C-alpha atoms as a PDB file:
ATOM      1  CA  UNK A   1     115.111  79.095  84.652  1.00  0.00           C
ATOM      2  CA  UNK A   2     116.179  82.607  83.661  1.00  0.00           C
ATOM      3  CA  UNK A   3     114.264  84.874  81.323  1.00  0.00           C
ATOM      4  CA  UNK A   4     116.783  87.220  79.705  1.00  0.00           C
ATOM      5  CA  UNK A   5     115.666  90.320  77.825  1.00  0.00           C
ATOM      6  CA  UNK A   6     118.082  92.483  75.881  1.00  0.00           C
ATOM      7  CA  UNK A   7     117.053  96.000  74.957  1.00  0.00           C
ATOM      8  CA  UNK A   8     118.972  97.246  71.938  1.00  0.00           C
ATOM      9  CA  UNK A   9     119.209 100.898  70.939  1.00  0.00           C
ATOM     10  CA  UNK A  10     120.270 100.857  67.303  1.00  0.00           C
ATOM     11  CA  UNK A  11     122.204 103.776  65.863  1.00  0.00           C
ATOM     12  CA  UNK A  12     122.294 104.776  62.238  1.00  0.00           C
ATOM     13  CA  UNK A  13     125.787 106.186  62.776  1.00  0.00           C
ATOM     14  CA  UNK A  14     128.095 105.126  65.570  1.00  0.00           C
ATOM     15  CA  UNK A  15     127.873 102.371  68.158  1.00  0.00           C
ATOM     16  CA  UNK A  16     124.722 100.502  69.102  1.00  0.00           C
ATOM     17  CA  UNK A  17     123.939 100.098  72.811  1.00  0.00           C
ATOM     18  CA  UNK A  18     122.398  97.059  74.481  1.00  0.00           C
ATOM     19  CA  UNK A  19     121.350  96.436  78.071  1.00  0.00           C
ATOM     20  CA  UNK A  20     120.803  92.921  79.430  1.00  0.00           C
ATOM     21  CA  UNK A  21     118.030  92.221  81.957  1.00  0.00           C
ATOM     22  CA  UNK A  22     117.721  88.890  83.766  1.00  0.00           C
ATOM     23  CA  UNK A  23     114.226  88.315  85.136  1.00  0.00           C
ATOM     24  CA  UNK A  24     113.588  92.064  84.820  1.00  0.00           C
ATOM     25  CA  UNK A  25     116.727  93.190  86.679  1.00  0.00           C
ATOM     26  CA  UNK A  26     119.659  94.906  84.922  1.00  0.00           C
ATOM     27  CA  UNK A  27     122.670  92.645  84.492  1.00  0.00           C
ATOM     28  CA  UNK A  28     125.920  94.569  84.135  1.00  0.00           C
ATOM     29  CA  UNK A  29     126.631  97.711  82.171  1.00  0.00           C
ATOM     30  CA  UNK A  30     125.420  98.680  78.720  1.00  0.00           C
ATOM     31  CA  UNK A  31     127.219  96.913  75.872  1.00  0.00           C
ATOM     32  CA  UNK A  32     128.475  98.841  72.846  1.00  0.00           C
ATOM     33  CA  UNK A  33     128.756  97.066  69.505  1.00  0.00           C
ATOM     34  CA  UNK A  34     128.926  97.759  65.782  1.00  0.00           C
ATOM     35  CA  UNK A  35     127.779  96.021  62.588  1.00  0.00           C
ATOM     36  CA  UNK A  36     131.073  94.334  61.767  1.00  0.00           C
ATOM     37  CA  UNK A  37     131.244  90.563  62.252  1.00  0.00           C
ATOM     38  CA  UNK A  38     133.775  90.475  65.141  1.00  0.00           C
ATOM     39  CA  UNK A  39     131.764  93.057  67.101  1.00  0.00           C
ATOM     40  CA  UNK A  40     128.430  91.265  66.496  1.00  0.00           C
ATOM     41  CA  UNK A  41     129.966  87.913  67.449  1.00  0.00           C
ATOM     42  CA  UNK A  42     131.353  89.381  70.695  1.00  0.00           C
ATOM     43  CA  UNK A  43     127.950  90.915  71.480  1.00  0.00           C
ATOM     44  CA  UNK A  44     126.113  87.620  70.914  1.00  0.00           C
ATOM     45  CA  UNK A  45     128.680  85.767  73.030  1.00  0.00           C
ATOM     46  CA  UNK A  46     128.121  88.252  75.863  1.00  0.00           C
ATOM     47  CA  UNK A  47     124.342  88.052  75.413  1.00  0.00           C
ATOM     48  CA  UNK A  48     124.224  84.272  75.937  1.00  0.00           C
ATOM     49  CA  UNK A  49     126.964  84.083  78.585  1.00  0.00           C
ATOM     50  CA  UNK A  50     125.827  82.234  81.697  1.00  0.00           C
ATOM     51  CA  UNK A  51     122.605  80.861  80.200  1.00  0.00           C
ATOM     52  CA  UNK A  52     121.580  77.214  80.416  1.00  0.00           C
ATOM     53  CA  UNK A  53     119.660  75.221  77.815  1.00  0.00           C
ATOM     54  CA  UNK A  54     116.297  75.744  79.577  1.00  0.00           C
ATOM     55  CA  UNK A  55     116.715  79.545  79.862  1.00  0.00           C
ATOM     56  CA  UNK A  56     114.908  81.945  77.532  1.00  0.00           C
ATOM     57  CA  UNK A  57     116.365  84.947  75.753  1.00  0.00           C
ATOM     58  CA  UNK A  58     114.761  87.694  73.699  1.00  0.00           C
ATOM     59  CA  UNK A  59     116.111  90.904  72.226  1.00  0.00           C
ATOM     60  CA  UNK A  60     113.930  93.925  71.612  1.00  0.00           C
ATOM     61  CA  UNK A  61     114.904  96.649  69.175  1.00  0.00           C
ATOM     62  CA  UNK A  62     113.217  99.293  67.106  1.00  0.00           C
ATOM     63  CA  UNK A  63     113.796  98.803  63.372  1.00  0.00           C
ATOM     64  CA  UNK A  64     115.741 102.035  62.784  1.00  0.00           C
ATOM     65  CA  UNK A  65     116.335 102.338  59.054  1.00  0.00           C
ATOM     66  CA  UNK A  66     118.260  99.233  58.001  1.00  0.00           C
ATOM     67  CA  UNK A  67     120.345  99.157  61.204  1.00  0.00           C
ATOM     68  CA  UNK A  68     118.324  96.203  62.514  1.00  0.00           C
ATOM     69  CA  UNK A  69     119.087  94.008  59.490  1.00  0.00           C
ATOM     70  CA  UNK A  70     122.599  92.679  60.383  1.00  0.00           C
ATOM     71  CA  UNK A  71     121.534  92.081  63.990  1.00  0.00           C
ATOM     72  CA  UNK A  72     118.347  90.219  62.994  1.00  0.00           C
ATOM     73  CA  UNK A  73     120.192  88.091  60.430  1.00  0.00           C
ATOM     74  CA  UNK A  74     122.928  86.910  62.743  1.00  0.00           C
ATOM     75  CA  UNK A  75     123.037  83.071  62.514  1.00  0.00           C
ATOM     76  CA  UNK A  76     122.145  82.600  66.182  1.00  0.00           C
ATOM     77  CA  UNK A  77     119.022  84.802  66.092  1.00  0.00           C
ATOM     78  CA  UNK A  78     115.381  83.892  65.808  1.00  0.00           C
ATOM     79  CA  UNK A  79     113.450  87.065  65.010  1.00  0.00           C
ATOM     80  CA  UNK A  80     109.965  88.431  64.632  1.00  0.00           C
ATOM     81  CA  UNK A  81     108.998  91.746  63.190  1.00  0.00           C
ATOM     82  CA  UNK A  82     106.265  93.663  64.957  1.00  0.00           C
ATOM     83  CA  UNK A  83     104.363  96.312  63.092  1.00  0.00           C
ATOM     84  CA  UNK A  84     103.107  98.678  65.765  1.00  0.00           C
ATOM     85  CA  UNK A  85     100.979 101.768  65.459  1.00  0.00           C
ATOM     86  CA  UNK A  86     102.665 105.126  65.188  1.00  0.00           C
ATOM     87  CA  UNK A  87     101.406 108.037  67.173  1.00  0.00           C
ATOM     88  CA  UNK A  88      98.520 109.665  65.330  1.00  0.00           C
ATOM     89  CA  UNK A  89      97.991 106.736  62.937  1.00  0.00           C
ATOM     90  CA  UNK A  90      95.315 104.098  63.227  1.00  0.00           C
ATOM     91  CA  UNK A  91      94.669 100.787  61.557  1.00  0.00           C
ATOM     92  CA  UNK A  92      98.202  99.431  61.961  1.00  0.00           C
ATOM     93  CA  UNK A  93      98.635  95.728  62.577  1.00  0.00           C
ATOM     94  CA  UNK A  94      99.724  94.788  66.086  1.00  0.00           C
ATOM     95  CA  UNK A  95     100.222  91.108  65.277  1.00  0.00           C
ATOM     96  CA  UNK A  96     103.807  89.835  65.418  1.00  0.00           C
ATOM     97  CA  UNK A  97     104.875  88.792  61.945  1.00  0.00           C
ATOM     98  CA  UNK A  98     107.398  85.981  61.565  1.00  0.00           C
ATOM     99  CA  UNK A  99     110.372  87.479  59.807  1.00  0.00           C
ATOM    100  CA  UNK A 100     113.111  84.883  59.859  1.00  0.00           C
ATOM    101  CA  UNK A 101     113.497  81.972  62.168  1.00  0.00           C
ATOM    102  CA  UNK A 102     116.539  80.068  63.253  1.00  0.00           C
ATOM    103  CA  UNK A 103     116.699  77.927  66.321  1.00  0.00           C
ATOM    104  CA  UNK A 104     119.248  79.442  68.653  1.00  0.00           C
ATOM    105  CA  UNK A 105     119.073  76.812  71.398  1.00  0.00           C
ATOM    106  CA  UNK A 106     117.544  79.230  73.901  1.00  0.00           C
ATOM    107  CA  UNK A 107     113.853  79.170  73.045  1.00  0.00           C
END
């Protein structure tokens, strides 16, 4: 069983960057993608490539403005929103909040 993590650096302008890690080890080069449907579909296809039904996949991204919205609402995604504490602020919730769920077949 593989545990795949994808770190996504969202950009407000320009291309987003994603890096895939399988069991904590980098897998390939960084992937560039944009918000348009063909680019998102190609990114998701690359993200799940080589996975079996019993493998797990998660993507981690910081909610930069509204840049996270198209990625989180892709039909194959199951997402949680995490409200973390900002530096210098206290009293923030650290409990993952269910945002939108869709079974993607990988977890």
